[in-house]
Amino acid sequence: VIRVNSQSGKGGMAYIMKNEHKMDLPRRLQIEFSRVVQGRADTGGGEVGPDEMWHIFEAEYLADTGPLSLVSYNSSSHEGRYAMTATVRWQGVEHDISGEGNGPLSAFVDALGMIGHEVNVLDYTEHALSSGGDALAAAYVETEIGEGDDTRVLWGVGRHSSIVTASMKAVISAVNRAAAAE
C-alpha cells in the first residue's frame, strides 16, 4: 500500500503514476508534480489516492482548456532541417504560424515566437503508453518560458498516438501552465 499525503516524497507518487497510470515521469518532473500533489494534500487535509492523483495530474498537465491550443499542423524536412506550419488558437483567436528547426519540435517552438511565446526546451523524454498500431505515446518537456526576469522553468506533458503531436501538446501544456501562473 502506497499512501501519499502532504509529507510524502516523490518516490511513492512516481511509483503510483508509473504502475497505475503508465506515466514514467522524468525525475525533475517528479519533483515538480510532488509539490503539486503535496499542495493539494495540504489543502484537502488528507491522503491522495491513485485516482485522485491522476485527476490532479490531468488537470495540471493534460487539460485542453488553456489559452493556447493546436488546431492543425504540417511539417516537412529537407537536408536535415525541418519546416513547420501550424494553426494555433491563442486566447480564442486562430493564428497561422511557421518556423524552422533541427526537428519538428524545435520548428514548432520557433513558430510559437511569431505570437510572442519565447520557449526554450531544456529536456525532452518520451515513451509508449501501450503497444500496437494505435498505441498512445507520452512526451514530457522541461521548458524555459519567457525572457529576462519573467523566465519560468515549467514542465509540460502531452499524449497522442503521434509522438510529434504529443511533443507539441507537451510544449502547449507548459505554455498554458505559464499563462495560468501569471
N, C-alpha and C. Protein backbone atom coordinates (compact mmCIF):
# COMPACT_ATOMS: atom_id res chain seq x y z
N VAL A 1 0.85 -1.17 0.00
CA VAL A 1 0.00 0.00 0.00
C VAL A 1 0.89 1.23 0.00
N ILE A 2 0.68 2.11 -0.96
CA ILE A 2 1.40 3.38 -1.04
C ILE A 2 0.42 4.47 -0.66
N ARG A 3 0.78 5.28 0.34
CA ARG A 3 -0.06 6.38 0.75
C ARG A 3 0.68 7.68 0.46
N VAL A 4 -0.01 8.63 -0.12
CA VAL A 4 0.58 9.92 -0.45
C VAL A 4 -0.19 10.99 0.32
N ASN A 5 0.56 11.75 1.13
CA ASN A 5 -0.04 12.87 1.85
C ASN A 5 0.88 14.07 1.73
N SER A 6 0.63 15.11 2.51
CA SER A 6 1.42 16.33 2.38
C SER A 6 2.88 16.15 2.81
N GLN A 7 3.20 15.06 3.49
CA GLN A 7 4.57 14.80 3.92
C GLN A 7 5.29 13.80 3.02
N SER A 8 4.61 13.28 2.04
CA SER A 8 5.18 12.23 1.19
C SER A 8 6.24 12.79 0.25
N GLY A 9 7.18 11.93 -0.09
CA GLY A 9 8.18 12.27 -1.07
C GLY A 9 7.71 11.91 -2.46
N LYS A 10 8.59 12.13 -3.42
CA LYS A 10 8.22 11.89 -4.81
C LYS A 10 8.25 10.41 -5.18
N GLY A 11 8.91 9.56 -4.38
CA GLY A 11 9.03 8.14 -4.73
C GLY A 11 7.71 7.43 -4.80
N GLY A 12 6.86 7.60 -3.79
CA GLY A 12 5.55 6.96 -3.80
C GLY A 12 4.67 7.48 -4.91
N MET A 13 4.73 8.79 -5.13
CA MET A 13 3.93 9.40 -6.20
C MET A 13 4.39 8.88 -7.56
N ALA A 14 5.71 8.81 -7.78
CA ALA A 14 6.23 8.33 -9.06
C ALA A 14 5.85 6.87 -9.28
N TYR A 15 5.90 6.06 -8.22
CA TYR A 15 5.52 4.65 -8.32
C TYR A 15 4.06 4.51 -8.75
N ILE A 16 3.19 5.27 -8.13
CA ILE A 16 1.76 5.22 -8.47
C ILE A 16 1.54 5.68 -9.91
N MET A 17 2.18 6.78 -10.31
CA MET A 17 1.98 7.29 -11.67
C MET A 17 2.45 6.28 -12.71
N LYS A 18 3.54 5.58 -12.42
CA LYS A 18 4.05 4.60 -13.39
C LYS A 18 3.23 3.32 -13.39
N ASN A 19 2.95 2.78 -12.22
CA ASN A 19 2.29 1.48 -12.15
C ASN A 19 0.78 1.54 -12.34
N GLU A 20 0.16 2.60 -11.89
CA GLU A 20 -1.30 2.72 -12.02
C GLU A 20 -1.72 3.42 -13.32
N HIS A 21 -0.87 4.34 -13.80
CA HIS A 21 -1.29 5.19 -14.92
C HIS A 21 -0.33 5.16 -16.11
N LYS A 22 0.72 4.32 -16.04
CA LYS A 22 1.68 4.11 -17.13
C LYS A 22 2.49 5.36 -17.50
N MET A 23 2.53 6.37 -16.63
CA MET A 23 3.26 7.60 -16.88
C MET A 23 4.60 7.54 -16.14
N ASP A 24 5.68 7.37 -16.90
CA ASP A 24 7.03 7.25 -16.34
C ASP A 24 7.67 8.65 -16.30
N LEU A 25 7.38 9.39 -15.24
CA LEU A 25 7.76 10.78 -15.15
C LEU A 25 9.27 10.95 -14.97
N PRO A 26 9.88 11.85 -15.75
CA PRO A 26 11.30 12.17 -15.52
C PRO A 26 11.50 12.72 -14.10
N ARG A 27 12.69 12.55 -13.58
CA ARG A 27 12.98 12.90 -12.19
C ARG A 27 12.59 14.34 -11.83
N ARG A 28 12.99 15.31 -12.64
CA ARG A 28 12.67 16.71 -12.29
C ARG A 28 11.17 16.98 -12.39
N LEU A 29 10.46 16.26 -13.26
CA LEU A 29 9.01 16.38 -13.30
C LEU A 29 8.40 15.75 -12.04
N GLN A 30 8.98 14.65 -11.57
CA GLN A 30 8.52 14.06 -10.31
C GLN A 30 8.59 15.08 -9.18
N ILE A 31 9.68 15.82 -9.13
CA ILE A 31 9.86 16.84 -8.09
C ILE A 31 8.79 17.92 -8.22
N GLU A 32 8.59 18.41 -9.46
CA GLU A 32 7.59 19.45 -9.68
C GLU A 32 6.19 18.96 -9.33
N PHE A 33 5.84 17.76 -9.81
CA PHE A 33 4.49 17.24 -9.57
C PHE A 33 4.29 16.89 -8.10
N SER A 34 5.32 16.44 -7.41
CA SER A 34 5.15 16.11 -5.99
C SER A 34 4.77 17.36 -5.20
N ARG A 35 5.29 18.53 -5.61
CA ARG A 35 4.89 19.78 -4.95
C ARG A 35 3.40 20.07 -5.18
N VAL A 36 2.94 19.79 -6.39
CA VAL A 36 1.52 20.00 -6.71
C VAL A 36 0.66 19.06 -5.86
N VAL A 37 1.04 17.79 -5.80
CA VAL A 37 0.27 16.80 -5.03
C VAL A 37 0.30 17.16 -3.55
N GLN A 38 1.45 17.52 -3.03
CA GLN A 38 1.56 17.89 -1.62
C GLN A 38 0.70 19.11 -1.30
N GLY A 39 0.68 20.07 -2.22
CA GLY A 39 -0.17 21.25 -2.02
C GLY A 39 -1.64 20.87 -1.95
N ARG A 40 -2.05 19.96 -2.81
CA ARG A 40 -3.46 19.52 -2.79
C ARG A 40 -3.75 18.73 -1.53
N ALA A 41 -2.80 17.91 -1.08
CA ALA A 41 -2.99 17.13 0.15
C ALA A 41 -3.10 18.08 1.34
N ASP A 42 -2.27 19.12 1.36
CA ASP A 42 -2.35 20.13 2.44
C ASP A 42 -3.71 20.80 2.44
N THR A 43 -4.16 21.20 1.26
CA THR A 43 -5.45 21.88 1.13
C THR A 43 -6.61 20.97 1.49
N GLY A 44 -6.54 19.72 1.03
CA GLY A 44 -7.61 18.76 1.28
C GLY A 44 -7.54 18.12 2.65
N GLY A 45 -6.39 18.25 3.30
CA GLY A 45 -6.25 17.74 4.66
C GLY A 45 -6.19 16.24 4.77
N GLY A 46 -5.68 15.56 3.78
CA GLY A 46 -5.62 14.10 3.89
C GLY A 46 -4.71 13.48 2.88
N GLU A 47 -4.96 12.23 2.60
CA GLU A 47 -4.16 11.47 1.66
C GLU A 47 -4.75 11.61 0.25
N VAL A 48 -3.88 11.37 -0.72
CA VAL A 48 -4.27 11.41 -2.12
C VAL A 48 -4.13 10.00 -2.66
N GLY A 49 -5.24 9.42 -3.11
CA GLY A 49 -5.21 8.07 -3.68
C GLY A 49 -4.84 8.11 -5.15
N PRO A 50 -4.63 6.93 -5.77
CA PRO A 50 -4.23 6.86 -7.17
C PRO A 50 -5.19 7.55 -8.13
N ASP A 51 -6.50 7.40 -7.91
CA ASP A 51 -7.46 8.04 -8.81
C ASP A 51 -7.43 9.56 -8.68
N GLU A 52 -7.37 10.04 -7.44
CA GLU A 52 -7.31 11.49 -7.24
C GLU A 52 -5.99 12.05 -7.78
N MET A 53 -4.91 11.29 -7.60
CA MET A 53 -3.62 11.73 -8.13
C MET A 53 -3.69 11.89 -9.64
N TRP A 54 -4.34 10.95 -10.31
CA TRP A 54 -4.49 11.04 -11.77
C TRP A 54 -5.30 12.28 -12.15
N HIS A 55 -6.37 12.57 -11.41
CA HIS A 55 -7.18 13.75 -11.71
C HIS A 55 -6.38 15.03 -11.51
N ILE A 56 -5.52 15.06 -10.49
CA ILE A 56 -4.66 16.21 -10.26
C ILE A 56 -3.68 16.36 -11.42
N PHE A 57 -3.09 15.24 -11.86
CA PHE A 57 -2.13 15.26 -12.97
C PHE A 57 -2.80 15.74 -14.26
N GLU A 58 -3.97 15.18 -14.55
CA GLU A 58 -4.71 15.60 -15.74
C GLU A 58 -5.01 17.09 -15.73
N ALA A 59 -5.51 17.58 -14.60
CA ALA A 59 -5.87 19.00 -14.50
C ALA A 59 -4.63 19.88 -14.64
N GLU A 60 -3.52 19.45 -14.09
CA GLU A 60 -2.30 20.27 -14.09
C GLU A 60 -1.57 20.24 -15.43
N TYR A 61 -1.50 19.07 -16.08
CA TYR A 61 -0.63 18.91 -17.25
C TYR A 61 -1.35 18.55 -18.56
N LEU A 62 -2.52 17.95 -18.49
CA LEU A 62 -3.15 17.43 -19.72
C LEU A 62 -4.43 18.14 -20.14
N ALA A 63 -4.90 19.08 -19.35
CA ALA A 63 -6.16 19.75 -19.66
C ALA A 63 -6.04 20.54 -20.96
N ASP A 64 -7.04 20.42 -21.80
CA ASP A 64 -7.08 21.16 -23.06
C ASP A 64 -7.89 22.45 -22.90
N THR A 65 -7.81 23.07 -21.76
CA THR A 65 -8.65 24.24 -21.50
C THR A 65 -7.88 25.55 -21.42
N GLY A 66 -6.58 25.52 -21.69
CA GLY A 66 -5.77 26.73 -21.58
C GLY A 66 -5.97 27.66 -22.76
N PRO A 67 -5.30 28.80 -22.71
CA PRO A 67 -5.46 29.80 -23.77
C PRO A 67 -4.79 29.42 -25.08
N LEU A 68 -3.86 28.44 -25.08
CA LEU A 68 -3.20 28.02 -26.31
C LEU A 68 -3.63 26.60 -26.66
N SER A 69 -4.01 26.40 -27.92
CA SER A 69 -4.35 25.05 -28.38
C SER A 69 -3.89 24.89 -29.83
N LEU A 70 -3.65 23.65 -30.20
CA LEU A 70 -3.22 23.30 -31.55
C LEU A 70 -4.45 22.96 -32.38
N VAL A 71 -4.59 23.62 -33.52
CA VAL A 71 -5.70 23.34 -34.43
C VAL A 71 -5.25 22.35 -35.50
N SER A 72 -4.12 22.64 -36.15
CA SER A 72 -3.58 21.75 -37.17
C SER A 72 -2.11 22.10 -37.40
N TYR A 73 -1.39 21.18 -38.05
CA TYR A 73 0.00 21.46 -38.40
C TYR A 73 0.43 20.60 -39.57
N ASN A 74 1.52 21.04 -40.18
CA ASN A 74 2.15 20.29 -41.25
C ASN A 74 3.66 20.53 -41.13
N SER A 75 4.44 19.47 -41.23
CA SER A 75 5.89 19.63 -41.16
C SER A 75 6.53 18.90 -42.32
N SER A 76 7.70 19.38 -42.69
CA SER A 76 8.47 18.75 -43.76
C SER A 76 9.94 18.89 -43.41
N SER A 77 10.75 18.07 -44.06
CA SER A 77 12.19 18.17 -43.82
C SER A 77 12.93 18.21 -45.16
N HIS A 78 14.05 18.90 -45.12
CA HIS A 78 14.91 18.99 -46.29
C HIS A 78 16.34 19.16 -45.83
N GLU A 79 17.19 18.21 -46.16
CA GLU A 79 18.61 18.25 -45.82
C GLU A 79 18.85 18.50 -44.33
N GLY A 80 18.12 17.77 -43.49
CA GLY A 80 18.33 17.85 -42.06
C GLY A 80 17.66 19.01 -41.34
N ARG A 81 16.95 19.85 -42.03
CA ARG A 81 16.22 20.97 -41.43
C ARG A 81 14.72 20.69 -41.57
N TYR A 82 13.97 21.08 -40.56
CA TYR A 82 12.53 20.88 -40.57
C TYR A 82 11.83 22.22 -40.68
N ALA A 83 10.75 22.22 -41.41
CA ALA A 83 9.88 23.39 -41.51
C ALA A 83 8.51 22.99 -40.96
N MET A 84 7.91 23.89 -40.23
CA MET A 84 6.60 23.62 -39.61
C MET A 84 5.68 24.78 -39.91
N THR A 85 4.49 24.46 -40.36
CA THR A 85 3.42 25.45 -40.41
C THR A 85 2.32 24.89 -39.52
N ALA A 86 1.71 25.77 -38.77
CA ALA A 86 0.66 25.32 -37.85
C ALA A 86 -0.39 26.40 -37.71
N THR A 87 -1.55 25.96 -37.35
CA THR A 87 -2.61 26.88 -36.93
C THR A 87 -2.83 26.60 -35.46
N VAL A 88 -2.70 27.65 -34.65
CA VAL A 88 -2.93 27.55 -33.22
C VAL A 88 -4.01 28.55 -32.83
N ARG A 89 -4.64 28.25 -31.72
CA ARG A 89 -5.63 29.18 -31.17
C ARG A 89 -5.03 29.75 -29.89
N TRP A 90 -4.85 31.07 -29.85
CA TRP A 90 -4.34 31.74 -28.66
C TRP A 90 -5.41 32.71 -28.18
N GLN A 91 -5.91 32.45 -26.99
CA GLN A 91 -6.96 33.26 -26.36
C GLN A 91 -8.16 33.44 -27.30
N GLY A 92 -8.55 32.33 -27.94
CA GLY A 92 -9.74 32.31 -28.78
C GLY A 92 -9.54 32.77 -30.20
N VAL A 93 -8.35 33.24 -30.56
CA VAL A 93 -8.09 33.74 -31.92
C VAL A 93 -7.12 32.79 -32.63
N GLU A 94 -7.47 32.39 -33.84
CA GLU A 94 -6.60 31.50 -34.61
C GLU A 94 -5.48 32.28 -35.27
N HIS A 95 -4.28 31.67 -35.24
CA HIS A 95 -3.09 32.27 -35.85
C HIS A 95 -2.40 31.21 -36.70
N ASP A 96 -1.97 31.60 -37.89
CA ASP A 96 -1.14 30.74 -38.72
C ASP A 96 0.30 31.10 -38.41
N ILE A 97 1.09 30.10 -38.00
CA ILE A 97 2.48 30.33 -37.63
C ILE A 97 3.39 29.39 -38.41
N SER A 98 4.65 29.76 -38.52
CA SER A 98 5.60 28.89 -39.20
C SER A 98 6.97 29.07 -38.56
N GLY A 99 7.77 28.01 -38.62
CA GLY A 99 9.10 28.06 -38.05
C GLY A 99 9.98 26.98 -38.62
N GLU A 100 11.26 27.06 -38.28
CA GLU A 100 12.24 26.09 -38.74
C GLU A 100 13.07 25.62 -37.56
N GLY A 101 13.63 24.41 -37.68
CA GLY A 101 14.50 23.89 -36.63
C GLY A 101 15.15 22.61 -37.06
N ASN A 102 15.89 22.00 -36.12
CA ASN A 102 16.57 20.75 -36.44
C ASN A 102 15.67 19.54 -36.27
N GLY A 103 14.43 19.75 -35.87
CA GLY A 103 13.43 18.70 -35.75
C GLY A 103 12.05 19.35 -35.68
N PRO A 104 11.00 18.54 -35.75
CA PRO A 104 9.64 19.10 -35.72
C PRO A 104 9.37 19.92 -34.45
N LEU A 105 9.87 19.46 -33.30
CA LEU A 105 9.60 20.18 -32.06
C LEU A 105 10.30 21.53 -32.04
N SER A 106 11.56 21.57 -32.46
CA SER A 106 12.27 22.85 -32.47
C SER A 106 11.64 23.80 -33.50
N ALA A 107 11.13 23.28 -34.60
CA ALA A 107 10.44 24.12 -35.58
C ALA A 107 9.15 24.68 -34.99
N PHE A 108 8.43 23.88 -34.21
CA PHE A 108 7.20 24.35 -33.58
C PHE A 108 7.50 25.43 -32.54
N VAL A 109 8.54 25.21 -31.74
CA VAL A 109 8.93 26.21 -30.74
C VAL A 109 9.32 27.51 -31.43
N ASP A 110 10.05 27.41 -32.54
CA ASP A 110 10.42 28.59 -33.32
C ASP A 110 9.16 29.30 -33.82
N ALA A 111 8.19 28.55 -34.29
CA ALA A 111 6.94 29.13 -34.81
C ALA A 111 6.16 29.86 -33.71
N LEU A 112 6.19 29.34 -32.49
CA LEU A 112 5.47 30.00 -31.39
C LEU A 112 5.99 31.40 -31.12
N GLY A 113 7.24 31.66 -31.49
CA GLY A 113 7.80 33.00 -31.36
C GLY A 113 7.04 34.04 -32.17
N MET A 114 6.37 33.61 -33.24
CA MET A 114 5.58 34.53 -34.07
C MET A 114 4.43 35.16 -33.31
N ILE A 115 3.94 34.46 -32.27
CA ILE A 115 2.83 35.03 -31.50
C ILE A 115 3.29 35.41 -30.09
N GLY A 116 4.60 35.63 -29.95
CA GLY A 116 5.12 36.18 -28.71
C GLY A 116 5.48 35.20 -27.61
N HIS A 117 5.56 33.92 -27.91
CA HIS A 117 5.92 32.93 -26.90
C HIS A 117 7.37 32.53 -27.06
N GLU A 118 8.20 32.98 -26.13
CA GLU A 118 9.61 32.61 -26.13
C GLU A 118 9.75 31.33 -25.30
N VAL A 119 10.00 30.22 -25.98
CA VAL A 119 10.09 28.91 -25.32
C VAL A 119 11.42 28.27 -25.68
N ASN A 120 12.10 27.76 -24.66
CA ASN A 120 13.34 27.03 -24.86
C ASN A 120 13.16 25.65 -24.23
N VAL A 121 13.36 24.58 -24.99
CA VAL A 121 13.22 23.23 -24.47
C VAL A 121 14.53 22.84 -23.80
N LEU A 122 14.46 22.55 -22.50
CA LEU A 122 15.64 22.18 -21.72
C LEU A 122 15.84 20.67 -21.66
N ASP A 123 14.73 19.92 -21.63
CA ASP A 123 14.80 18.46 -21.54
C ASP A 123 13.59 17.88 -22.23
N TYR A 124 13.77 16.69 -22.79
CA TYR A 124 12.69 16.03 -23.53
C TYR A 124 12.78 14.53 -23.29
N THR A 125 11.66 13.92 -22.98
CA THR A 125 11.59 12.47 -22.79
C THR A 125 10.27 11.99 -23.39
N GLU A 126 10.28 10.79 -23.93
CA GLU A 126 9.06 10.21 -24.48
C GLU A 126 9.04 8.72 -24.21
N HIS A 127 7.85 8.13 -24.23
CA HIS A 127 7.72 6.68 -24.14
C HIS A 127 6.33 6.28 -24.61
N ALA A 128 6.21 5.00 -24.97
CA ALA A 128 4.92 4.46 -25.38
C ALA A 128 4.09 4.16 -24.13
N LEU A 129 2.80 4.42 -24.22
CA LEU A 129 1.88 4.09 -23.14
C LEU A 129 1.22 2.74 -23.35
N SER A 130 1.26 2.26 -24.58
CA SER A 130 0.68 0.97 -24.92
C SER A 130 1.40 0.46 -26.15
N SER A 131 1.04 -0.75 -26.60
CA SER A 131 1.68 -1.31 -27.78
C SER A 131 0.65 -1.48 -28.89
N GLY A 132 1.15 -1.71 -30.08
CA GLY A 132 0.27 -1.92 -31.21
C GLY A 132 0.22 -0.72 -32.14
N GLY A 133 -0.52 -0.88 -33.21
CA GLY A 133 -0.61 0.17 -34.22
C GLY A 133 -1.31 1.43 -33.77
N ASP A 134 -2.17 1.32 -32.78
CA ASP A 134 -2.88 2.50 -32.30
C ASP A 134 -2.37 2.93 -30.92
N ALA A 135 -1.10 2.65 -30.65
CA ALA A 135 -0.52 2.94 -29.35
C ALA A 135 -0.47 4.43 -29.07
N LEU A 136 -0.66 4.78 -27.82
CA LEU A 136 -0.50 6.16 -27.38
C LEU A 136 0.93 6.37 -26.92
N ALA A 137 1.42 7.58 -27.12
CA ALA A 137 2.75 7.95 -26.64
C ALA A 137 2.60 9.11 -25.67
N ALA A 138 3.54 9.19 -24.74
CA ALA A 138 3.60 10.32 -23.82
C ALA A 138 4.90 11.06 -24.07
N ALA A 139 4.83 12.38 -24.07
CA ALA A 139 6.01 13.23 -24.22
C ALA A 139 6.05 14.18 -23.04
N TYR A 140 7.25 14.39 -22.52
CA TYR A 140 7.47 15.29 -21.39
C TYR A 140 8.53 16.30 -21.80
N VAL A 141 8.26 17.58 -21.63
CA VAL A 141 9.25 18.60 -21.95
C VAL A 141 9.43 19.53 -20.76
N GLU A 142 10.68 19.77 -20.44
CA GLU A 142 11.02 20.79 -19.46
C GLU A 142 11.35 22.03 -20.27
N THR A 143 10.68 23.12 -19.97
CA THR A 143 10.83 24.32 -20.77
C THR A 143 11.24 25.52 -19.93
N GLU A 144 11.86 26.44 -20.60
CA GLU A 144 12.11 27.76 -20.05
C GLU A 144 11.25 28.69 -20.87
N ILE A 145 10.33 29.38 -20.21
CA ILE A 145 9.36 30.21 -20.91
C ILE A 145 9.56 31.66 -20.48
N GLY A 146 9.60 32.54 -21.48
CA GLY A 146 9.77 33.97 -21.20
C GLY A 146 11.21 34.39 -21.35
N GLU A 147 11.45 35.65 -21.00
CA GLU A 147 12.78 36.22 -21.11
C GLU A 147 13.09 37.06 -19.88
N GLY A 148 14.36 37.18 -19.59
CA GLY A 148 14.81 38.05 -18.50
C GLY A 148 14.24 37.66 -17.16
N ASP A 149 13.75 38.66 -16.42
CA ASP A 149 13.21 38.44 -15.09
C ASP A 149 11.90 37.65 -15.10
N ASP A 150 11.26 37.56 -16.27
CA ASP A 150 9.97 36.86 -16.38
C ASP A 150 10.13 35.39 -16.77
N THR A 151 11.35 34.87 -16.77
CA THR A 151 11.60 33.49 -17.18
C THR A 151 11.11 32.52 -16.11
N ARG A 152 10.40 31.48 -16.58
CA ARG A 152 9.92 30.41 -15.69
C ARG A 152 10.35 29.08 -16.29
N VAL A 153 10.72 28.14 -15.42
CA VAL A 153 11.01 26.78 -15.86
C VAL A 153 9.84 25.91 -15.43
N LEU A 154 9.18 25.32 -16.42
CA LEU A 154 7.98 24.51 -16.18
C LEU A 154 8.00 23.27 -17.07
N TRP A 155 7.40 22.22 -16.57
CA TRP A 155 7.21 21.01 -17.37
C TRP A 155 5.87 21.05 -18.06
N GLY A 156 5.82 20.40 -19.22
CA GLY A 156 4.58 20.17 -19.94
C GLY A 156 4.50 18.71 -20.34
N VAL A 157 3.29 18.21 -20.48
CA VAL A 157 3.09 16.79 -20.82
C VAL A 157 2.05 16.72 -21.93
N GLY A 158 2.30 15.84 -22.89
CA GLY A 158 1.35 15.61 -23.97
C GLY A 158 1.19 14.12 -24.23
N ARG A 159 -0.01 13.73 -24.65
CA ARG A 159 -0.29 12.34 -25.04
C ARG A 159 -1.00 12.35 -26.38
N HIS A 160 -0.60 11.44 -27.23
CA HIS A 160 -1.24 11.33 -28.55
C HIS A 160 -0.70 10.07 -29.22
N SER A 161 -1.37 9.60 -30.26
CA SER A 161 -0.87 8.45 -31.00
C SER A 161 0.34 8.82 -31.86
N SER A 162 0.48 10.10 -32.20
CA SER A 162 1.66 10.59 -32.92
C SER A 162 2.62 11.21 -31.91
N ILE A 163 3.87 10.76 -31.90
CA ILE A 163 4.83 11.31 -30.95
C ILE A 163 5.10 12.78 -31.25
N VAL A 164 5.04 13.19 -32.52
CA VAL A 164 5.24 14.61 -32.85
C VAL A 164 4.11 15.44 -32.24
N THR A 165 2.88 14.99 -32.41
CA THR A 165 1.74 15.71 -31.83
C THR A 165 1.82 15.70 -30.31
N ALA A 166 2.19 14.57 -29.72
CA ALA A 166 2.34 14.51 -28.26
C ALA A 166 3.39 15.51 -27.79
N SER A 167 4.48 15.65 -28.52
CA SER A 167 5.53 16.60 -28.16
C SER A 167 5.04 18.04 -28.24
N MET A 168 4.31 18.34 -29.30
CA MET A 168 3.76 19.69 -29.45
C MET A 168 2.75 19.98 -28.35
N LYS A 169 1.93 19.00 -28.00
CA LYS A 169 0.98 19.17 -26.91
C LYS A 169 1.69 19.39 -25.58
N ALA A 170 2.86 18.77 -25.42
CA ALA A 170 3.63 18.97 -24.19
C ALA A 170 4.12 20.41 -24.08
N VAL A 171 4.59 20.97 -25.19
CA VAL A 171 5.01 22.38 -25.19
C VAL A 171 3.80 23.27 -24.90
N ILE A 172 2.67 22.97 -25.51
CA ILE A 172 1.45 23.75 -25.27
C ILE A 172 1.05 23.66 -23.80
N SER A 173 1.18 22.47 -23.21
CA SER A 173 0.89 22.30 -21.79
C SER A 173 1.74 23.22 -20.94
N ALA A 174 3.03 23.31 -21.24
CA ALA A 174 3.93 24.18 -20.47
C ALA A 174 3.55 25.65 -20.65
N VAL A 175 3.25 26.06 -21.89
CA VAL A 175 2.86 27.45 -22.14
C VAL A 175 1.57 27.79 -21.39
N ASN A 176 0.62 26.86 -21.41
CA ASN A 176 -0.65 27.10 -20.71
C ASN A 176 -0.43 27.16 -19.19
N ARG A 177 0.46 26.35 -18.66
CA ARG A 177 0.75 26.39 -17.23
C ARG A 177 1.40 27.72 -16.85
N ALA A 178 2.28 28.22 -17.75
CA ALA A 178 2.91 29.53 -17.50
C ALA A 178 1.86 30.64 -17.52
N ALA A 179 0.94 30.55 -18.46
CA ALA A 179 -0.13 31.56 -18.56
C ALA A 179 -1.03 31.51 -17.32
N ALA A 180 -1.30 30.32 -16.81
CA ALA A 180 -2.16 30.18 -15.63
C ALA A 180 -1.47 30.73 -14.38
N ALA A 181 -0.15 30.67 -14.36
CA ALA A 181 0.60 31.15 -13.19
C ALA A 181 0.71 32.67 -13.15
N GLU A 182 0.46 33.31 -14.30
CA GLU A 182 0.59 34.79 -14.34
C GLU A 182 -0.58 35.49 -13.71
